Amino acid sequence: MQLPLSPSAVLSFRLILVLLLFTVTCLVIAFSSFLLAQTTDLIVQNDGARAFLEKIRTVPLETWKIPTLSLSFLGLLGVSTFYRGRFRQNNLIQLGFSFMELALSVAIIAVLDFSYRGVIFIAIVNAMRFFESKRLRVGIAAVCVVVYMLMDYDLVSLRFPVFSINDYLDFYRDSTRAIYYGAKNLLSSFNEILFIIYMVLEIQNWIEENAEIKQLNQRLVKTTEDLQLANVRLEEYAERSEESARIRERDRLAREIHDIVAHSLTGIEIGLKACLDAFRVDPERVRAQLGKILALARSGVEDMRRSVSGMKREADPGGFRDTLAQLVERIQEITGTKIEISLDGEPRGLSPLAEEALYRTAQEGLTNSVRHGEARHVEVELRYNELTVELVVRDDGKGAPDLSEGLGLRSMRERAEALGGQLFWANRSRGFLIQVSLPIPSKGEPLL
């Protein structure tokens, strides 16, 4: 049985059912108690007490006690129902309330001579409403059902001297007796129907809760599987990232070592050749040349240390131009090659990575011009355009007819492309040209 109601509507409907169940139970108890009291008075007025006492197995309660006790016990049951809702989290107190309500229900049934036992439905409903634990709900409900079965008049009368309400109704005419029977049965049946509807809603709620719990468990399992898969992917990604980092660092070190060592060794090689040529002719010149070679070697060592430790030059337009000029002057002194440097445009601040790329390109270009191109004249031009900065190295050497991209050219290209720039090289009619172009960040844009 599936009722098309929202959760809030179901909760309100269940509360209405509880109120109706309590109201109908009150009507049944009031009807039964007043029927017993009225019939007793009627028997006394008609002088039928002797015949009545001879017919029954035990003496009934006094007339006023039947409605007074039964309705008083019912009032206590209502008070218990009202106050136990404040102790939902305390199972021990709830157990005390349940057994007290069950005792009150049994007392009401006993006062009414076991003619009505539907009052136990209230104890069952309260157990369903107020216990947080499903096990306690089912356990108390089971105890109440057992007590309900034991409170049957036919079963109790086999053991104890009780009398039936039929003994009272026999003093009425058939038509009046039928009305009383019909009214009592109608109220009792209505009370049972309300109880059944409430239990159907309760069972439906349990089924829905179990279905939700099952769905949540399925989602939890699915989420756990997704997390495990994500963890595996994350581990794989971490491994790939670590491997990529190692490769990038290896390539960076390879570029740095090539640029620094090749440049320094080239200068040292050319300087030592000049020393050998001048050794016997001019010893003082050899001494001066060896000092320059020593300075070049020290400079190479410092460059290597800075590269390994990751130190970069600070962004200073004038500082970079001076650094580039020092490089040109040092190579020119060591090799004797004529090198001219020119600046075009207004210098602007570059990022340390951009300065490093330009510096290494100039260093590699000058080294190639002197060592491989055997150039006698080299031009280095630094141009600041509106959006880019360009470095051009051109020489009058023999060029490279069978040029292929080696480690030096590849290092320069990778540096430029990593910063969003481009590298161009080409043989000229006489000599070789290398040109690198890097973007200049606009104002307010962070340097790379």
Foldseek 3Di string as FASTA:
>chain_A
DDDPDDPVVLVVVLVVLLVVLLVLVLVLQQLLLLLVLVLVVVCVVVVNPVVLVVPAQDDADHNVCLSVLLVVLSVVLVVLLVPLQVVLPDVVVVVVSLVSQLVSLLVNCVSSLLADRLSLLSSLVSLLPRHPDPVSSVVSNVVSVVVSVCSHNVNVVVPDRTDYCVSSLVVDDPVVSVVSVVVSVVSRVVSVVSSVVSVVSSVVVVVVVVVVVVVVVVVVVVVVVVVVVVVVVVVVVVVVVVVVVVVVVVLLLVQLCCLLVLLLVLLLVLLVVVLVVCVVPDVVVSVVSVVLNVVSVVVSVVSNVCSVVVHFDFFDQVVLVVVLVVLVVSSCSSNVAAEEEEEADDGDTAHRLVSVLLSSVSSLLVSCCVPVQVFRYKYWYWYDDPWKIKIKIKTQGAADPPDDDDSNNVSSQVSQVVQVWGWDKDDDPGTIMIMIMHTDDDPPDDHD
